[in-house]
Amino acid sequence: MNLEEYFARTGYKGSLEKQDLETLTDIFQHHIRAVPFENLSIHCGEKITLELEHVYNKIVRRKRGGWCMENNQLLGWVLKRLGYDASFLGAYVFNPHQNAYATIMTHLLVKVVIDGKAYIVDGGFGVSYQMWQPMELVSGKDQPQAPGVFRFTEKNATWYLEKMRRKQYIPNQNFSNSDLLEKKECRKVYMFSLEPRTVEDFRFQCTYLQTSPDSLFTKKSICTLQTSDGFRALIGWTLTETTYNYKENMDLVEFVTLEDEEVEKTLKEKFNITLDRKLVPINVKGFYTI
């Protein structure tokens, strides 16, 4: 495993000497635009493991993506190797259909401290809730980014992340009521504490999320990637391409339903992913929003 190979994967060609916010942001943005957030292994008969070397080979050498425990573990390794003060935290994801936070800590994220200021770096959430810049860990401050306005709120040592989105323009009205669309303009994302975590804290969750019939990840095949002006997502057979700020305070959301034979071709063309095994797409309704 080496940094040069990782940066060849993400296309980053900037400085490796500075441990400042500008460099961190540049490295982070190259990662989220090159490495998809995806769970396709579950739906093509592969097991997801948390060993760093396995994650590195999957994302860097096989040019795949991964979920938060893979993406953020790799990103954390890179930042530590570069000399950043980086550590892992654990979060409980908000489920809008149950209107509650998960009771299991399933989301791994990275905290980075620069010149005494703490930032959250999360390259493993995907879709419209994927931050594009490190977020300063400060309570009650609106932090506008291209995807929308993010905000942390702290109460009794628990931190909450929420996001405010723009209005949505959906040309294909057949999808205007799709359960893939987020209906609320302000949405809770996850909650977390500042207790340091290790990858070992996520062993059970890694197995649970890819085997339990109650897991979002067994109910949907998901692949999402950030672009220069939005993101694209393939959930089951539904391809979505979102353009942020297409018009003033409005995002363009375009939907297409693919045929079976178009799925793997689309993965290659839109996400630069070639699978080793046959994918079996799935999209159980009512469990995912973009």
C-alpha atoms as a PDB file:
ATOM      1  CA  MET A   1       0.000   0.000   0.000  1.00  0.00           C
ATOM      2  CA  ASN A   2       1.391   3.395  -0.922  1.00  0.00           C
ATOM      3  CA  LEU A   3       0.160   6.955  -1.212  1.00  0.00           C
ATOM      4  CA  GLU A   4       1.282   7.404  -4.818  1.00  0.00           C
ATOM      5  CA  GLU A   5      -0.970   4.564  -5.953  1.00  0.00           C
ATOM      6  CA  TYR A   6      -3.899   5.974  -3.967  1.00  0.00           C
ATOM      7  CA  PHE A   7      -3.461   9.441  -5.480  1.00  0.00           C
ATOM      8  CA  ALA A   8      -3.215   7.957  -8.963  1.00  0.00           C
ATOM      9  CA  ARG A   9      -6.613   6.374  -8.235  1.00  0.00           C
ATOM     10  CA  THR A  10      -8.193   9.693  -7.193  1.00  0.00           C
ATOM     11  CA  GLY A  11      -6.328  11.911  -9.657  1.00  0.00           C
ATOM     12  CA  TYR A  12      -4.961  14.236  -6.968  1.00  0.00           C
ATOM     13  CA  LYS A  13      -1.744  15.955  -8.061  1.00  0.00           C
ATOM     14  CA  GLY A  14      -1.433  18.700  -5.432  1.00  0.00           C
ATOM     15  CA  SER A  15       0.883  19.205  -2.482  1.00  0.00           C
ATOM     16  CA  LEU A  16       1.674  16.388  -0.064  1.00  0.00           C
ATOM     17  CA  GLU A  17       3.760  18.591   2.215  1.00  0.00           C
ATOM     18  CA  LYS A  18       1.115  20.889   3.722  1.00  0.00           C
ATOM     19  CA  GLN A  19      -1.268  19.714   6.426  1.00  0.00           C
ATOM     20  CA  ASP A  20      -3.670  22.647   6.034  1.00  0.00           C
ATOM     21  CA  LEU A  21      -7.409  22.924   5.416  1.00  0.00           C
ATOM     22  CA  GLU A  22      -7.028  23.830   1.741  1.00  0.00           C
ATOM     23  CA  THR A  23      -4.966  20.714   1.015  1.00  0.00           C
ATOM     24  CA  LEU A  24      -7.311  18.532   3.067  1.00  0.00           C
ATOM     25  CA  THR A  25     -10.296  19.850   1.103  1.00  0.00           C
ATOM     26  CA  ASP A  26      -8.591  19.179  -2.235  1.00  0.00           C
ATOM     27  CA  ILE A  27      -7.630  15.605  -1.274  1.00  0.00           C
ATOM     28  CA  PHE A  28     -11.147  14.985   0.047  1.00  0.00           C
ATOM     29  CA  GLN A  29     -12.902  16.284  -3.071  1.00  0.00           C
ATOM     30  CA  HIS A  30     -10.746  14.143  -5.346  1.00  0.00           C
ATOM     31  CA  HIS A  31     -11.698  11.109  -3.259  1.00  0.00           C
ATOM     32  CA  ILE A  32     -15.484  11.617  -3.385  1.00  0.00           C
ATOM     33  CA  ARG A  33     -15.417  12.294  -7.154  1.00  0.00           C
ATOM     34  CA  ALA A  34     -13.342   9.204  -7.935  1.00  0.00           C
ATOM     35  CA  VAL A  35     -14.449   6.619  -5.359  1.00  0.00           C
ATOM     36  CA  PRO A  36     -18.158   5.693  -5.317  1.00  0.00           C
ATOM     37  CA  PHE A  37     -20.201   5.064  -2.213  1.00  0.00           C
ATOM     38  CA  GLU A  38     -21.521   1.582  -3.015  1.00  0.00           C
ATOM     39  CA  ASN A  39     -22.650  -1.739  -1.552  1.00  0.00           C
ATOM     40  CA  LEU A  40     -22.556  -3.811  -4.742  1.00  0.00           C
ATOM     41  CA  SER A  41     -20.439  -6.553  -3.155  1.00  0.00           C
ATOM     42  CA  ILE A  42     -23.478  -7.657  -1.151  1.00  0.00           C
ATOM     43  CA  HIS A  43     -25.469  -8.151  -4.361  1.00  0.00           C
ATOM     44  CA  CYS A  44     -22.837  -9.977  -6.374  1.00  0.00           C
ATOM     45  CA  GLY A  45     -21.831 -12.601  -3.830  1.00  0.00           C
ATOM     46  CA  GLU A  46     -18.782 -10.943  -2.274  1.00  0.00           C
ATOM     47  CA  LYS A  47     -18.147 -10.407   1.424  1.00  0.00           C
ATOM     48  CA  ILE A  48     -17.240  -6.946   2.694  1.00  0.00           C
ATOM     49  CA  THR A  49     -14.397  -7.065   5.218  1.00  0.00           C
ATOM     50  CA  LEU A  50     -12.728  -4.291   7.201  1.00  0.00           C
ATOM     51  CA  GLU A  51      -9.070  -5.311   6.905  1.00  0.00           C
ATOM     52  CA  LEU A  52      -7.292  -2.205   5.615  1.00  0.00           C
ATOM     53  CA  GLU A  53      -5.254  -4.097   3.023  1.00  0.00           C
ATOM     54  CA  HIS A  54      -8.430  -5.641   1.611  1.00  0.00           C
ATOM     55  CA  VAL A  55     -10.107  -2.210   1.508  1.00  0.00           C
ATOM     56  CA  TYR A  56      -7.046  -0.716  -0.200  1.00  0.00           C
ATOM     57  CA  ASN A  57      -6.943  -3.454  -2.849  1.00  0.00           C
ATOM     58  CA  LYS A  58     -10.663  -3.149  -3.511  1.00  0.00           C
ATOM     59  CA  ILE A  59     -10.783   0.640  -3.871  1.00  0.00           C
ATOM     60  CA  VAL A  60      -7.324   1.476  -5.195  1.00  0.00           C
ATOM     61  CA  ARG A  61      -6.336  -1.533  -7.303  1.00  0.00           C
ATOM     62  CA  ARG A  62      -9.726  -2.930  -8.349  1.00  0.00           C
ATOM     63  CA  LYS A  63     -11.140   0.601  -8.770  1.00  0.00           C
ATOM     64  CA  ARG A  64     -14.251  -0.154  -6.783  1.00  0.00           C
ATOM     65  CA  GLY A  65     -16.007   1.951  -4.182  1.00  0.00           C
ATOM     66  CA  GLY A  66     -17.258   1.055  -0.733  1.00  0.00           C
ATOM     67  CA  TRP A  67     -19.462   2.091   2.140  1.00  0.00           C
ATOM     68  CA  CYS A  68     -18.442   4.332   5.066  1.00  0.00           C
ATOM     69  CA  MET A  69     -16.335   1.725   6.889  1.00  0.00           C
ATOM     70  CA  GLU A  70     -14.268   1.269   3.740  1.00  0.00           C
ATOM     71  CA  ASN A  71     -14.165   4.787   2.281  1.00  0.00           C
ATOM     72  CA  ASN A  72     -13.496   6.602   5.538  1.00  0.00           C
ATOM     73  CA  GLN A  73     -11.069   3.989   6.841  1.00  0.00           C
ATOM     74  CA  LEU A  74      -8.981   4.410   3.687  1.00  0.00           C
ATOM     75  CA  LEU A  75      -9.285   8.197   3.806  1.00  0.00           C
ATOM     76  CA  GLY A  76      -8.236   8.196   7.471  1.00  0.00           C
ATOM     77  CA  TRP A  77      -5.195   6.045   6.657  1.00  0.00           C
ATOM     78  CA  VAL A  78      -4.163   8.453   3.895  1.00  0.00           C
ATOM     79  CA  LEU A  79      -4.508  11.507   6.127  1.00  0.00           C
ATOM     80  CA  LYS A  80      -2.545   9.909   8.967  1.00  0.00           C
ATOM     81  CA  ARG A  81       0.225   8.923   6.565  1.00  0.00           C
ATOM     82  CA  LEU A  82       0.390  12.543   5.387  1.00  0.00           C
ATOM     83  CA  GLY A  83       0.802  13.750   8.969  1.00  0.00           C
ATOM     84  CA  TYR A  84      -2.700  14.981   9.751  1.00  0.00           C
ATOM     85  CA  ASP A  85      -4.104  14.638  13.274  1.00  0.00           C
ATOM     86  CA  ALA A  86      -6.899  12.270  12.214  1.00  0.00           C
ATOM     87  CA  SER A  87      -9.068   9.896  14.274  1.00  0.00           C
ATOM     88  CA  PHE A  88     -12.270   7.876  13.844  1.00  0.00           C
ATOM     89  CA  LEU A  89     -15.703   8.584  15.331  1.00  0.00           C
ATOM     90  CA  GLY A  90     -18.935   6.579  15.220  1.00  0.00           C
ATOM     91  CA  ALA A  91     -22.404   7.852  14.299  1.00  0.00           C
ATOM     92  CA  TYR A  92     -26.040   6.722  14.479  1.00  0.00           C
ATOM     93  CA  VAL A  93     -27.822   7.355  11.171  1.00  0.00           C
ATOM     94  CA  PHE A  94     -31.282   8.954  11.068  1.00  0.00           C
ATOM     95  CA  ASN A  95     -34.024   6.840   9.482  1.00  0.00           C
ATOM     96  CA  PRO A  96     -36.661   9.188   8.006  1.00  0.00           C
ATOM     97  CA  HIS A  97     -39.202   6.395   7.568  1.00  0.00           C
ATOM     98  CA  GLN A  98     -39.085   5.572  11.281  1.00  0.00           C
ATOM     99  CA  ASN A  99     -38.432   9.226  12.245  1.00  0.00           C
ATOM    100  CA  ALA A 100     -35.708   8.052  14.602  1.00  0.00           C
ATOM    101  CA  TYR A 101     -31.970   7.557  14.859  1.00  0.00           C
ATOM    102  CA  ALA A 102     -30.632   4.017  14.551  1.00  0.00           C
ATOM    103  CA  THR A 103     -29.956   2.182  17.807  1.00  0.00           C
ATOM    104  CA  ILE A 104     -26.765   0.653  16.361  1.00  0.00           C
ATOM    105  CA  MET A 105     -23.652   2.728  15.640  1.00  0.00           C
ATOM    106  CA  THR A 106     -23.203   1.922  11.954  1.00  0.00           C
ATOM    107  CA  HIS A 107     -21.486   4.985  10.488  1.00  0.00           C
ATOM    108  CA  LEU A 108     -17.738   5.547  10.670  1.00  0.00           C
ATOM    109  CA  LEU A 109     -16.413   9.073  10.087  1.00  0.00           C
ATOM    110  CA  VAL A 110     -13.135  10.939  10.424  1.00  0.00           C
ATOM    111  CA  LYS A 111     -12.245  13.852  12.716  1.00  0.00           C
ATOM    112  CA  VAL A 112      -9.257  15.990  11.730  1.00  0.00           C
ATOM    113  CA  VAL A 113      -7.682  18.685  13.925  1.00  0.00           C
ATOM    114  CA  ILE A 114      -5.822  21.538  12.169  1.00  0.00           C
ATOM    115  CA  ASP A 115      -4.313  24.425  14.150  1.00  0.00           C
ATOM    116  CA  GLY A 116      -6.486  23.585  17.134  1.00  0.00           C
ATOM    117  CA  LYS A 117      -9.750  23.496  15.138  1.00  0.00           C
ATOM    118  CA  ALA A 118     -11.650  20.224  14.706  1.00  0.00           C
ATOM    119  CA  TYR A 119     -13.257  19.250  11.399  1.00  0.00           C
ATOM    120  CA  ILE A 120     -15.446  16.332  10.343  1.00  0.00           C
ATOM    121  CA  VAL A 121     -14.396  14.645   7.112  1.00  0.00           C
ATOM    122  CA  ASP A 122     -16.944  12.130   5.854  1.00  0.00           C
ATOM    123  CA  GLY A 123     -16.387  10.548   2.445  1.00  0.00           C
ATOM    124  CA  GLY A 124     -18.810   7.700   3.015  1.00  0.00           C
ATOM    125  CA  PHE A 125     -22.410   8.874   2.980  1.00  0.00           C
ATOM    126  CA  GLY A 126     -23.189   9.373  -0.684  1.00  0.00           C
ATOM    127  CA  VAL A 127     -26.163  10.878  -2.551  1.00  0.00           C
ATOM    128  CA  SER A 128     -27.234  14.410  -1.606  1.00  0.00           C
ATOM    129  CA  TYR A 129     -26.064  14.067   2.013  1.00  0.00           C
ATOM    130  CA  GLN A 130     -22.427  13.732   0.985  1.00  0.00           C
ATOM    131  CA  MET A 131     -20.534  16.784   2.245  1.00  0.00           C
ATOM    132  CA  TRP A 132     -18.131  18.304  -0.290  1.00  0.00           C
ATOM    133  CA  GLN A 133     -15.858  20.074   2.176  1.00  0.00           C
ATOM    134  CA  PRO A 134     -14.585  19.274   5.672  1.00  0.00           C
ATOM    135  CA  MET A 135     -17.061  20.704   8.179  1.00  0.00           C
ATOM    136  CA  GLU A 136     -15.859  22.709  11.135  1.00  0.00           C
ATOM    137  CA  LEU A 137     -17.028  21.061  14.341  1.00  0.00           C
ATOM    138  CA  VAL A 138     -18.941  24.017  15.765  1.00  0.00           C
ATOM    139  CA  SER A 139     -22.522  24.031  17.038  1.00  0.00           C
ATOM    140  CA  GLY A 140     -25.311  26.055  15.455  1.00  0.00           C
ATOM    141  CA  LYS A 141     -23.375  27.481  12.514  1.00  0.00           C
ATOM    142  CA  ASP A 142     -24.773  27.193   8.975  1.00  0.00           C
ATOM    143  CA  GLN A 143     -22.072  25.815   6.653  1.00  0.00           C
ATOM    144  CA  PRO A 144     -23.180  26.343   3.018  1.00  0.00           C
ATOM    145  CA  GLN A 145     -21.721  23.943   0.442  1.00  0.00           C
ATOM    146  CA  ALA A 146     -22.642  23.020  -3.130  1.00  0.00           C
ATOM    147  CA  PRO A 147     -25.035  20.222  -2.004  1.00  0.00           C
ATOM    148  CA  GLY A 148     -26.904  22.594   0.357  1.00  0.00           C
ATOM    149  CA  VAL A 149     -26.535  24.034   3.854  1.00  0.00           C
ATOM    150  CA  PHE A 150     -25.140  21.694   6.518  1.00  0.00           C
ATOM    151  CA  ARG A 151     -25.248  22.389  10.248  1.00  0.00           C
ATOM    152  CA  PHE A 152     -23.992  20.732  13.433  1.00  0.00           C
ATOM    153  CA  THR A 153     -25.872  21.144  16.695  1.00  0.00           C
ATOM    154  CA  GLU A 154     -24.468  19.964  20.022  1.00  0.00           C
ATOM    155  CA  LYS A 155     -26.648  18.979  22.993  1.00  0.00           C
ATOM    156  CA  ASN A 156     -25.303  17.319  26.142  1.00  0.00           C
ATOM    157  CA  ALA A 157     -22.096  16.185  24.381  1.00  0.00           C
ATOM    158  CA  THR A 158     -24.046  14.620  21.505  1.00  0.00           C
ATOM    159  CA  TRP A 159     -23.579  16.161  18.070  1.00  0.00           C
ATOM    160  CA  TYR A 160     -26.278  16.210  15.393  1.00  0.00           C
ATOM    161  CA  LEU A 161     -25.818  16.791  11.653  1.00  0.00           C
ATOM    162  CA  GLU A 162     -28.639  18.118   9.503  1.00  0.00           C
ATOM    163  CA  LYS A 163     -28.897  19.428   5.954  1.00  0.00           C
ATOM    164  CA  MET A 164     -31.152  21.951   4.245  1.00  0.00           C
ATOM    165  CA  ARG A 165     -31.706  21.325   0.545  1.00  0.00           C
ATOM    166  CA  ARG A 166     -32.932  23.458  -2.341  1.00  0.00           C
ATOM    167  CA  LYS A 167     -36.169  23.006  -4.236  1.00  0.00           C
ATOM    168  CA  GLN A 168     -36.128  20.205  -6.815  1.00  0.00           C
ATOM    169  CA  TYR A 169     -37.058  20.317 -10.502  1.00  0.00           C
ATOM    170  CA  ILE A 170     -38.006  16.867 -11.818  1.00  0.00           C
ATOM    171  CA  PRO A 171     -38.577  16.854 -15.625  1.00  0.00           C
ATOM    172  CA  ASN A 172     -39.882  13.270 -15.650  1.00  0.00           C
ATOM    173  CA  GLN A 173     -43.098  13.682 -13.687  1.00  0.00           C
ATOM    174  CA  ASN A 174     -43.499   9.903 -13.480  1.00  0.00           C
ATOM    175  CA  PHE A 175     -40.928  10.154 -10.673  1.00  0.00           C
ATOM    176  CA  SER A 176     -42.341  13.234  -8.928  1.00  0.00           C
ATOM    177  CA  ASN A 177     -43.632  11.086  -6.047  1.00  0.00           C
ATOM    178  CA  SER A 178     -40.790   8.566  -6.054  1.00  0.00           C
ATOM    179  CA  ASP A 179     -39.835   7.238  -2.629  1.00  0.00           C
ATOM    180  CA  LEU A 180     -36.241   7.922  -3.656  1.00  0.00           C
ATOM    181  CA  LEU A 181     -36.918  11.662  -3.414  1.00  0.00           C
ATOM    182  CA  GLU A 182     -36.409  13.477  -0.133  1.00  0.00           C
ATOM    183  CA  LYS A 183     -39.674  15.241   0.727  1.00  0.00           C
ATOM    184  CA  LYS A 184     -38.478  17.479   3.568  1.00  0.00           C
ATOM    185  CA  GLU A 185     -36.348  20.545   2.901  1.00  0.00           C
ATOM    186  CA  CYS A 186     -34.506  20.115   6.218  1.00  0.00           C
ATOM    187  CA  ARG A 187     -33.369  16.615   7.010  1.00  0.00           C
ATOM    188  CA  LYS A 188     -31.566  15.056   9.987  1.00  0.00           C
ATOM    189  CA  VAL A 189     -28.571  12.975   8.849  1.00  0.00           C
ATOM    190  CA  TYR A 190     -26.871  11.399  11.893  1.00  0.00           C
ATOM    191  CA  MET A 191     -25.783  11.919  15.494  1.00  0.00           C
ATOM    192  CA  PHE A 192     -22.419  11.138  17.100  1.00  0.00           C
ATOM    193  CA  SER A 193     -20.201  11.722  20.109  1.00  0.00           C
ATOM    194  CA  LEU A 194     -16.523  12.688  20.179  1.00  0.00           C
ATOM    195  CA  GLU A 195     -15.488   9.391  21.785  1.00  0.00           C
ATOM    196  CA  PRO A 196     -12.604   8.029  19.675  1.00  0.00           C
ATOM    197  CA  ARG A 197     -13.406   4.788  17.857  1.00  0.00           C
ATOM    198  CA  THR A 198     -11.388   2.117  16.115  1.00  0.00           C
ATOM    199  CA  VAL A 199     -12.273  -0.093  13.172  1.00  0.00           C
ATOM    200  CA  GLU A 200     -12.704  -2.938  15.694  1.00  0.00           C
ATOM    201  CA  ASP A 201     -15.779  -1.123  17.030  1.00  0.00           C
ATOM    202  CA  PHE A 202     -17.506  -1.808  13.687  1.00  0.00           C
ATOM    203  CA  ARG A 203     -16.910  -5.553  13.233  1.00  0.00           C
ATOM    204  CA  PHE A 204     -20.398  -6.601  14.294  1.00  0.00           C
ATOM    205  CA  GLN A 205     -22.045  -3.809  12.299  1.00  0.00           C
ATOM    206  CA  CYS A 206     -20.161  -4.747   9.147  1.00  0.00           C
ATOM    207  CA  THR A 207     -21.559  -8.269   9.314  1.00  0.00           C
ATOM    208  CA  TYR A 208     -25.039  -7.157  10.376  1.00  0.00           C
ATOM    209  CA  LEU A 209     -25.482  -4.598   7.598  1.00  0.00           C
ATOM    210  CA  GLN A 210     -24.666  -7.082   4.851  1.00  0.00           C
ATOM    211  CA  THR A 211     -26.696 -10.015   6.219  1.00  0.00           C
ATOM    212  CA  SER A 212     -29.729  -8.734   8.136  1.00  0.00           C
ATOM    213  CA  PRO A 213     -33.064  -8.612   6.272  1.00  0.00           C
ATOM    214  CA  ASP A 214     -33.715  -5.373   8.199  1.00  0.00           C
ATOM    215  CA  SER A 215     -30.646  -3.662   6.738  1.00  0.00           C
ATOM    216  CA  LEU A 216     -31.042  -0.981   4.086  1.00  0.00           C
ATOM    217  CA  PHE A 217     -28.037  -2.469   2.329  1.00  0.00           C
ATOM    218  CA  THR A 218     -29.614  -5.885   1.796  1.00  0.00           C
ATOM    219  CA  LYS A 219     -32.813  -4.252   0.493  1.00  0.00           C
ATOM    220  CA  LYS A 220     -31.139  -2.065  -2.147  1.00  0.00           C
ATOM    221  CA  SER A 221     -28.172  -2.250  -4.495  1.00  0.00           C
ATOM    222  CA  ILE A 222     -26.612   1.219  -4.298  1.00  0.00           C
ATOM    223  CA  CYS A 223     -23.877   3.001  -6.209  1.00  0.00           C
ATOM    224  CA  THR A 224     -23.464   6.778  -5.959  1.00  0.00           C
ATOM    225  CA  LEU A 225     -20.724   9.136  -7.086  1.00  0.00           C
ATOM    226  CA  GLN A 226     -20.220  12.876  -6.666  1.00  0.00           C
ATOM    227  CA  THR A 227     -19.584  14.874  -9.846  1.00  0.00           C
ATOM    228  CA  SER A 228     -18.262  18.372 -10.526  1.00  0.00           C
ATOM    229  CA  ASP A 229     -21.779  19.850 -10.304  1.00  0.00           C
ATOM    230  CA  GLY A 230     -23.891  17.277  -8.439  1.00  0.00           C
ATOM    231  CA  PHE A 231     -24.046  13.510  -8.083  1.00  0.00           C
ATOM    232  CA  ARG A 232     -25.337  10.417  -9.827  1.00  0.00           C
ATOM    233  CA  ALA A 233     -26.863   7.353  -8.204  1.00  0.00           C
ATOM    234  CA  LEU A 234     -27.873   3.891  -9.362  1.00  0.00           C
ATOM    235  CA  ILE A 235     -30.312   2.329  -6.906  1.00  0.00           C
ATOM    236  CA  GLY A 236     -31.664  -0.967  -8.164  1.00  0.00           C
ATOM    237  CA  TRP A 237     -32.546  -0.213 -11.785  1.00  0.00           C
ATOM    238  CA  THR A 238     -33.135   3.531 -11.258  1.00  0.00           C
ATOM    239  CA  LEU A 239     -30.407   5.902 -12.437  1.00  0.00           C
ATOM    240  CA  THR A 240     -30.605   9.407 -10.990  1.00  0.00           C
ATOM    241  CA  GLU A 241     -28.474  12.366 -12.060  1.00  0.00           C
ATOM    242  CA  THR A 242     -28.707  15.506  -9.942  1.00  0.00           C
ATOM    243  CA  THR A 243     -27.323  18.924 -10.889  1.00  0.00           C
ATOM    244  CA  TYR A 244     -26.985  21.314  -7.953  1.00  0.00           C
ATOM    245  CA  ASN A 245     -28.202  24.902  -8.371  1.00  0.00           C
ATOM    246  CA  TYR A 246     -29.407  24.215 -11.910  1.00  0.00           C
ATOM    247  CA  LYS A 247     -31.479  27.363 -11.469  1.00  0.00           C
ATOM    248  CA  GLU A 248     -31.438  29.781  -8.567  1.00  0.00           C
ATOM    249  CA  ASN A 249     -32.189  27.800  -5.399  1.00  0.00           C
ATOM    250  CA  MET A 250     -33.262  24.773  -7.472  1.00  0.00           C
ATOM    251  CA  ASP A 251     -31.629  21.408  -8.186  1.00  0.00           C
ATOM    252  CA  LEU A 252     -32.316  19.416 -11.359  1.00  0.00           C
ATOM    253  CA  VAL A 253     -33.143  15.758 -10.645  1.00  0.00           C
ATOM    254  CA  GLU A 254     -33.333  13.435 -13.672  1.00  0.00           C
ATOM    255  CA  PHE A 255     -34.534   9.828 -13.441  1.00  0.00           C
ATOM    256  CA  VAL A 256     -34.155   6.922 -15.870  1.00  0.00           C
ATOM    257  CA  THR A 257     -35.254   3.308 -15.395  1.00  0.00           C
ATOM    258  CA  LEU A 258     -32.736   0.834 -16.824  1.00  0.00           C
ATOM    259  CA  GLU A 259     -33.248  -2.589 -18.323  1.00  0.00           C
ATOM    260  CA  ASP A 260     -31.315  -5.519 -16.834  1.00  0.00           C
ATOM    261  CA  GLU A 261     -28.786  -5.533 -19.659  1.00  0.00           C
ATOM    262  CA  GLU A 262     -28.092  -1.800 -19.194  1.00  0.00           C
ATOM    263  CA  VAL A 263     -27.109  -1.967 -15.516  1.00  0.00           C
ATOM    264  CA  GLU A 264     -23.503  -3.179 -15.785  1.00  0.00           C
ATOM    265  CA  LYS A 265     -22.845  -0.988 -18.834  1.00  0.00           C
ATOM    266  CA  THR A 266     -24.086   2.017 -16.853  1.00  0.00           C
ATOM    267  CA  LEU A 267     -21.858   1.109 -13.902  1.00  0.00           C
ATOM    268  CA  LYS A 268     -18.866   1.184 -16.241  1.00  0.00           C
ATOM    269  CA  GLU A 269     -19.799   4.355 -18.117  1.00  0.00           C
ATOM    270  CA  LYS A 270     -21.161   6.445 -15.246  1.00  0.00           C
ATOM    271  CA  PHE A 271     -19.216   5.132 -12.237  1.00  0.00           C
ATOM    272  CA  ASN A 272     -16.097   3.560 -13.779  1.00  0.00           C
ATOM    273  CA  ILE A 273     -16.900   0.266 -12.041  1.00  0.00           C
ATOM    274  CA  THR A 274     -16.357  -3.167 -13.548  1.00  0.00           C
ATOM    275  CA  LEU A 275     -17.591  -6.018 -11.372  1.00  0.00           C
ATOM    276  CA  ASP A 276     -15.892  -9.418 -11.116  1.00  0.00           C
ATOM    277  CA  ARG A 277     -19.166 -11.213 -10.458  1.00  0.00           C
ATOM    278  CA  LYS A 278     -22.730 -10.912 -11.751  1.00  0.00           C
ATOM    279  CA  LEU A 279     -24.767  -8.203 -10.029  1.00  0.00           C
ATOM    280  CA  VAL A 280     -28.336  -8.959  -8.964  1.00  0.00           C
ATOM    281  CA  PRO A 281     -29.992  -5.516  -8.647  1.00  0.00           C
ATOM    282  CA  ILE A 282     -32.587  -4.976  -5.935  1.00  0.00           C
ATOM    283  CA  ASN A 283     -34.722  -2.031  -4.851  1.00  0.00           C
ATOM    284  CA  VAL A 284     -37.247  -2.727  -2.102  1.00  0.00           C
ATOM    285  CA  LYS A 285     -39.486   0.342  -1.962  1.00  0.00           C
ATOM    286  CA  GLY A 286     -39.629   2.818   0.863  1.00  0.00           C
ATOM    287  CA  PHE A 287     -36.150   2.698   2.319  1.00  0.00           C
ATOM    288  CA  TYR A 288     -33.896   5.266   0.656  1.00  0.00           C
ATOM    289  CA  THR A 289     -33.953   8.963  -0.135  1.00  0.00           C
ATOM    290  CA  ILE A 290     -31.741  11.153  -2.246  1.00  0.00           C
END
